[in-house]
N, C-alpha and C. Protein backbone atom coordinates (compact mmCIF):
# COMPACT_ATOMS: atom_id res chain seq x y z
N ASN A 1 0.83 -1.19 0.15
CA ASN A 1 0.16 0.04 0.15
C ASN A 1 0.85 1.34 0.04
N ASP A 2 0.60 2.12 -0.80
CA ASP A 2 1.41 3.38 -1.21
C ASP A 2 0.75 4.42 -0.52
N SER A 3 0.21 4.30 0.60
CA SER A 3 -0.63 5.43 1.13
C SER A 3 -0.12 5.80 2.66
N TYR A 4 1.05 5.18 2.99
CA TYR A 4 1.45 5.37 4.35
C TYR A 4 3.07 5.68 4.09
N ILE A 5 3.53 6.33 5.13
CA ILE A 5 4.98 6.81 5.42
C ILE A 5 5.28 6.00 6.80
N ILE A 6 6.31 5.57 6.87
CA ILE A 6 6.96 5.12 8.14
C ILE A 6 8.04 6.07 8.75
N PHE A 7 7.82 6.40 9.79
CA PHE A 7 9.02 7.27 10.49
C PHE A 7 9.50 6.59 11.55
N ILE A 8 10.98 6.34 11.61
CA ILE A 8 11.84 5.67 12.73
C ILE A 8 12.61 6.53 13.14
N GLY A 9 12.86 6.98 14.34
CA GLY A 9 13.90 7.80 14.71
C GLY A 9 13.91 8.23 16.09
N THR A 10 15.04 8.92 16.62
CA THR A 10 15.38 9.05 17.88
C THR A 10 15.15 10.77 18.04
N LYS A 11 15.80 11.10 18.99
CA LYS A 11 15.67 12.62 19.23
C LYS A 11 16.55 13.38 18.16
N LYS A 12 17.47 12.86 17.78
CA LYS A 12 18.26 13.26 16.83
C LYS A 12 18.33 13.03 15.22
N PHE A 13 17.44 11.99 15.04
CA PHE A 13 17.48 11.67 13.51
C PHE A 13 16.10 11.23 13.26
N THR A 14 15.66 11.25 12.10
CA THR A 14 14.22 10.43 11.53
C THR A 14 14.50 9.80 10.09
N GLU A 15 14.21 8.69 9.91
CA GLU A 15 14.23 8.06 8.76
C GLU A 15 12.79 7.83 8.11
N ARG A 16 12.68 7.83 6.93
CA ARG A 16 11.33 7.66 6.32
C ARG A 16 11.27 6.26 5.41
N TYR A 17 10.62 5.60 5.48
CA TYR A 17 10.12 4.50 4.62
C TYR A 17 8.66 4.67 3.87
N TYR A 18 8.82 4.42 2.67
CA TYR A 18 7.38 4.46 1.90
C TYR A 18 7.54 3.82 0.83
N ARG A 19 6.43 3.43 0.04
CA ARG A 19 6.24 2.69 -1.05
C ARG A 19 6.07 3.93 -2.46
N ASP A 20 6.73 3.36 -3.64
CA ASP A 20 5.87 4.20 -4.80
C ASP A 20 5.82 3.33 -5.73
N LYS A 21 5.78 3.56 -6.96
CA LYS A 21 5.61 2.58 -8.13
C LYS A 21 6.62 1.66 -8.29
N LYS A 22 7.79 1.79 -7.85
CA LYS A 22 9.01 0.93 -8.02
C LYS A 22 9.14 0.18 -7.03
N GLY A 23 9.00 0.40 -5.86
CA GLY A 23 8.70 -0.54 -4.51
C GLY A 23 9.39 0.30 -3.40
N TRP A 24 9.74 -0.09 -2.47
CA TRP A 24 10.19 0.30 -1.13
C TRP A 24 11.43 1.51 -1.15
N LEU A 25 11.15 2.60 -0.62
CA LEU A 25 12.21 3.51 -0.41
C LEU A 25 12.56 4.16 0.94
N LYS A 26 13.71 4.12 1.11
CA LYS A 26 14.13 4.90 2.53
C LYS A 26 15.00 6.07 2.15
N VAL A 27 14.38 7.00 3.07
CA VAL A 27 15.27 8.44 2.86
C VAL A 27 15.65 8.35 4.54
N SER A 28 17.22 8.50 4.26
CA SER A 28 17.85 8.76 5.36
C SER A 28 17.84 10.17 6.15
N ALA A 29 18.13 10.20 7.34
CA ALA A 29 18.16 11.54 8.26
C ALA A 29 19.05 12.71 7.00
N LYS A 30 19.78 12.22 6.45
CA LYS A 30 20.73 13.17 5.85
C LYS A 30 19.93 13.22 4.29
N GLY A 31 18.90 12.79 4.05
CA GLY A 31 18.26 12.92 2.84
C GLY A 31 18.68 12.19 1.52
N LYS A 32 19.60 11.15 1.84
CA LYS A 32 19.81 10.17 0.82
C LYS A 32 18.96 9.26 0.69
N LYS A 33 18.53 8.75 -0.66
CA LYS A 33 17.42 7.83 -0.98
C LYS A 33 17.99 6.37 -1.18
N PHE A 34 17.42 5.39 -0.68
CA PHE A 34 17.84 3.92 -0.80
C PHE A 34 16.80 2.97 -1.22
N ARG A 35 16.80 2.32 -2.19
CA ARG A 35 15.71 1.29 -2.76
C ARG A 35 15.99 0.03 -1.76
N MET A 36 14.75 -0.31 -1.27
CA MET A 36 14.87 -1.75 -0.33
C MET A 36 13.67 -2.51 -0.97
N THR A 37 13.85 -3.67 -0.46
CA THR A 37 13.10 -4.86 -0.47
C THR A 37 11.94 -4.56 0.82
N ALA A 38 10.81 -5.37 0.71
CA ALA A 38 9.94 -5.27 1.73
C ALA A 38 10.73 -5.89 2.92
N GLU A 39 11.40 -7.23 2.71
CA GLU A 39 12.14 -7.76 3.77
C GLU A 39 13.02 -6.87 4.29
N GLN A 40 13.78 -6.04 3.97
CA GLN A 40 14.73 -4.83 4.42
C GLN A 40 14.01 -3.82 5.14
N VAL A 41 12.95 -3.49 4.87
CA VAL A 41 12.18 -2.60 5.71
C VAL A 41 11.61 -3.38 6.85
N LEU A 42 11.34 -4.62 6.91
CA LEU A 42 10.74 -5.39 8.38
C LEU A 42 12.02 -5.45 8.97
N ASN A 43 13.23 -5.77 8.42
CA ASN A 43 14.34 -5.81 9.45
C ASN A 43 14.67 -4.50 10.11
N HIS A 44 14.47 -3.35 9.63
CA HIS A 44 14.74 -2.09 10.06
C HIS A 44 13.35 -1.99 11.21
N LEU A 45 12.21 -2.31 11.06
CA LEU A 45 11.21 -1.73 11.60
C LEU A 45 11.07 -2.81 12.72
N LEU A 46 11.15 -4.14 12.63
CA LEU A 46 10.80 -4.91 13.52
C LEU A 46 11.62 -4.94 15.04
N PRO A 47 12.89 -4.50 15.01
CA PRO A 47 13.59 -4.42 16.39
C PRO A 47 13.08 -3.08 17.23
N ALA A 48 12.52 -2.16 16.20
CA ALA A 48 12.39 -1.05 17.01
C ALA A 48 10.84 -1.41 17.70
N LEU A 49 9.94 -2.24 16.97
CA LEU A 49 8.65 -2.56 17.41
C LEU A 49 8.85 -3.34 18.61
N ALA A 50 9.60 -4.36 18.32
CA ALA A 50 10.03 -5.25 19.44
C ALA A 50 10.63 -4.64 20.86
N GLY A 51 11.11 -3.60 20.84
CA GLY A 51 11.88 -2.80 21.98
C GLY A 51 12.97 -3.03 22.03
N ILE A 52 13.93 -3.56 21.19
CA ILE A 52 15.40 -4.07 21.38
C ILE A 52 16.26 -3.01 21.39
N LYS A 53 15.88 -1.82 20.60
CA LYS A 53 16.54 -0.79 20.48
C LYS A 53 15.73 0.38 21.13
N PRO A 54 16.04 0.35 22.36
CA PRO A 54 15.44 1.49 23.24
C PRO A 54 15.62 3.07 22.84
N GLY A 55 14.67 3.86 23.09
CA GLY A 55 14.98 5.39 22.33
C GLY A 55 14.30 5.45 21.11
N LEU A 56 14.04 4.47 20.36
CA LEU A 56 13.52 4.60 18.76
C LEU A 56 11.93 4.80 18.75
N THR A 57 11.75 5.71 18.23
CA THR A 57 10.14 5.90 18.02
C THR A 57 9.69 5.77 16.57
N ILE A 58 8.35 5.25 16.58
CA ILE A 58 7.77 4.92 15.26
C ILE A 58 6.59 5.74 15.31
N LYS A 59 6.44 6.42 13.97
CA LYS A 59 5.23 6.91 13.73
C LYS A 59 5.02 6.69 12.26
N VAL A 60 3.47 6.33 11.93
CA VAL A 60 2.92 5.87 10.71
C VAL A 60 2.04 7.41 10.32
N GLU A 61 2.17 7.70 8.97
CA GLU A 61 1.11 8.67 8.58
C GLU A 61 0.46 8.06 7.56
N HIS A 62 -0.71 8.16 7.33
CA HIS A 62 -1.75 8.06 6.10
C HIS A 62 -1.87 9.07 5.11
N HIS A 63 -1.78 8.68 3.91
CA HIS A 63 -2.00 9.97 3.02
C HIS A 63 -2.61 9.43 1.87
N LYS A 64 -3.98 10.06 1.58
CA LYS A 64 -4.66 9.63 0.35
C LYS A 64 -4.08 9.50 -0.78
N SER A 65 -4.20 8.69 -1.76
CA SER A 65 -3.19 8.11 -2.77
C SER A 65 -3.83 9.39 -4.07
């Protein structure tokens, strides 16, 4: 679904993950863009959700397509 943007970060940085027509894209805190597979996105997202990396926050925004 390309209607959501996932933000993962701390007080000092935030990364964005979203889908476009070509697949998943990560935008680093410095603004660099990286293509990712769905599995790579999950590998970044799941440790934060499981609480393994304390201090990380996750926010999801919905945008109409």
